[in-house]
Amino acid sequence: MEAELDKGVDCQSGFRLAARRRLAKNKG
């Protein structure tokens, strides 16, 4: 799923992806 998001990356989707990775990191 992440690879698919990386494919069509624009400002918004890129920002969302970064936020998602951050949340995943915080969750452990």
PDB file of N, CA and C in Angstrom:
ATOM      1  N   MET A   1       0.837  -1.195   0.000  1.00  0.00           N
ATOM      2  CA  MET A   1       0.000   0.000   0.000  1.00  0.00           C
ATOM      3  C   MET A   1       0.880   1.257   0.000  1.00  0.00           C
ATOM      4  N   GLU A   2       1.915   1.253   0.800  1.00  0.00           N
ATOM      5  CA  GLU A   2       2.791   2.416   0.851  1.00  0.00           C
ATOM      6  C   GLU A   2       3.446   2.678  -0.493  1.00  0.00           C
ATOM      7  N   ALA A   3       3.833   1.601  -1.172  1.00  0.00           N
ATOM      8  CA  ALA A   3       4.475   1.737  -2.487  1.00  0.00           C
ATOM      9  C   ALA A   3       3.514   2.425  -3.448  1.00  0.00           C
ATOM     10  N   GLU A   4       2.243   2.087  -3.363  1.00  0.00           N
ATOM     11  CA  GLU A   4       1.247   2.693  -4.245  1.00  0.00           C
ATOM     12  C   GLU A   4       1.136   4.189  -3.964  1.00  0.00           C
ATOM     13  N   LEU A   5       1.170   4.551  -2.699  1.00  0.00           N
ATOM     14  CA  LEU A   5       1.074   5.963  -2.344  1.00  0.00           C
ATOM     15  C   LEU A   5       2.305   6.713  -2.837  1.00  0.00           C
ATOM     16  N   ASP A   6       3.473   6.073  -2.730  1.00  0.00           N
ATOM     17  CA  ASP A   6       4.710   6.714  -3.184  1.00  0.00           C
ATOM     18  C   ASP A   6       4.654   6.988  -4.681  1.00  0.00           C
ATOM     19  N   LYS A   7       3.928   6.138  -5.400  1.00  0.00           N
ATOM     20  CA  LYS A   7       3.834   6.289  -6.863  1.00  0.00           C
ATOM     21  C   LYS A   7       3.224   7.640  -7.218  1.00  0.00           C
ATOM     22  N   GLY A   8       2.091   7.965  -6.619  1.00  0.00           N
ATOM     23  CA  GLY A   8       1.397   9.215  -6.965  1.00  0.00           C
ATOM     24  C   GLY A   8       1.560  10.233  -5.855  1.00  0.00           C
ATOM     25  N   VAL A   9       2.804  10.657  -5.667  1.00  0.00           N
ATOM     26  CA  VAL A   9       3.080  11.551  -4.541  1.00  0.00           C
ATOM     27  C   VAL A   9       2.927  13.015  -4.964  1.00  0.00           C
ATOM     28  N   ASP A  10       2.029  13.747  -4.272  1.00  0.00           N
ATOM     29  CA  ASP A  10       2.061  15.205  -4.427  1.00  0.00           C
ATOM     30  C   ASP A  10       2.174  15.808  -3.031  1.00  0.00           C
ATOM     31  N   CYS A  11       2.039  17.119  -2.929  1.00  0.00           N
ATOM     32  CA  CYS A  11       2.236  17.780  -1.633  1.00  0.00           C
ATOM     33  C   CYS A  11       1.394  17.120  -0.550  1.00  0.00           C
ATOM     34  N   GLN A  12       0.097  16.958  -0.838  1.00  0.00           N
ATOM     35  CA  GLN A  12      -0.814  16.450   0.186  1.00  0.00           C
ATOM     36  C   GLN A  12      -0.531  14.997   0.520  1.00  0.00           C
ATOM     37  N   SER A  13      -0.452  14.153  -0.493  1.00  0.00           N
ATOM     38  CA  SER A  13      -0.248  12.724  -0.237  1.00  0.00           C
ATOM     39  C   SER A  13       1.104  12.513   0.425  1.00  0.00           C
ATOM     40  N   GLY A  14       2.092  13.297   0.037  1.00  0.00           N
ATOM     41  CA  GLY A  14       3.415  13.178   0.649  1.00  0.00           C
ATOM     42  C   GLY A  14       3.350  13.532   2.125  1.00  0.00           C
ATOM     43  N   PHE A  15       2.609  14.592   2.435  1.00  0.00           N
ATOM     44  CA  PHE A  15       2.467  15.016   3.826  1.00  0.00           C
ATOM     45  C   PHE A  15       1.748  13.946   4.633  1.00  0.00           C
ATOM     46  N   ARG A  16       0.700  13.374   4.032  1.00  0.00           N
ATOM     47  CA  ARG A  16      -0.063  12.323   4.723  1.00  0.00           C
ATOM     48  C   ARG A  16       0.824  11.121   4.998  1.00  0.00           C
ATOM     49  N   LEU A  17       1.648  10.771   4.011  1.00  0.00           N
ATOM     50  CA  LEU A  17       2.517   9.605   4.152  1.00  0.00           C
ATOM     51  C   LEU A  17       3.488   9.830   5.309  1.00  0.00           C
ATOM     52  N   ALA A  18       4.043  11.019   5.386  1.00  0.00           N
ATOM     53  CA  ALA A  18       4.989  11.333   6.457  1.00  0.00           C
ATOM     54  C   ALA A  18       4.293  11.223   7.812  1.00  0.00           C
ATOM     55  N   ALA A  19       3.073  11.738   7.886  1.00  0.00           N
ATOM     56  CA  ALA A  19       2.322  11.683   9.141  1.00  0.00           C
ATOM     57  C   ALA A  19       2.047  10.236   9.523  1.00  0.00           C
ATOM     58  N   ARG A  20       1.723   9.424   8.510  1.00  0.00           N
ATOM     59  CA  ARG A  20       1.421   8.009   8.784  1.00  0.00           C
ATOM     60  C   ARG A  20       2.658   7.307   9.323  1.00  0.00           C
ATOM     61  N   ARG A  21       3.796   7.558   8.711  1.00  0.00           N
ATOM     62  CA  ARG A  21       5.024   6.891   9.171  1.00  0.00           C
ATOM     63  C   ARG A  21       5.351   7.343  10.581  1.00  0.00           C
ATOM     64  N   ARG A  22       5.082   8.603  10.868  1.00  0.00           N
ATOM     65  CA  ARG A  22       5.334   9.130  12.207  1.00  0.00           C
ATOM     66  C   ARG A  22       4.470   8.402  13.231  1.00  0.00           C
ATOM     67  N   LEU A  23       3.184   8.264  12.913  1.00  0.00           N
ATOM     68  CA  LEU A  23       2.263   7.589  13.823  1.00  0.00           C
ATOM     69  C   LEU A  23       2.705   6.148  14.040  1.00  0.00           C
ATOM     70  N   ALA A  24       3.108   5.496  12.969  1.00  0.00           N
ATOM     71  CA  ALA A  24       3.554   4.106  13.071  1.00  0.00           C
ATOM     72  C   ALA A  24       4.770   4.029  13.991  1.00  0.00           C
ATOM     73  N   LYS A  25       5.642   5.016  13.890  1.00  0.00           N
ATOM     74  CA  LYS A  25       6.850   5.027  14.728  1.00  0.00           C
ATOM     75  C   LYS A  25       6.458   5.200  16.195  1.00  0.00           C
ATOM     76  N   ASN A  26       5.529   6.118  16.453  1.00  0.00           N
ATOM     77  CA  ASN A  26       5.103   6.375  17.822  1.00  0.00           C
ATOM     78  C   ASN A  26       4.438   5.146  18.431  1.00  0.00           C
ATOM     79  N   LYS A  27       3.686   4.434  17.610  1.00  0.00           N
ATOM     80  CA  LYS A  27       3.012   3.225  18.104  1.00  0.00           C
ATOM     81  C   LYS A  27       4.030   2.128  18.407  1.00  0.00           C
ATOM     82  N   GLY A  28       5.132   2.155  17.686  1.00  0.00           N
ATOM     83  CA  GLY A  28       6.155   1.134  17.907  1.00  0.00           C
ATOM     84  C   GLY A  28       5.895  -0.054  17.029  1.00  0.00           C
TER      85      GLY A  28
END
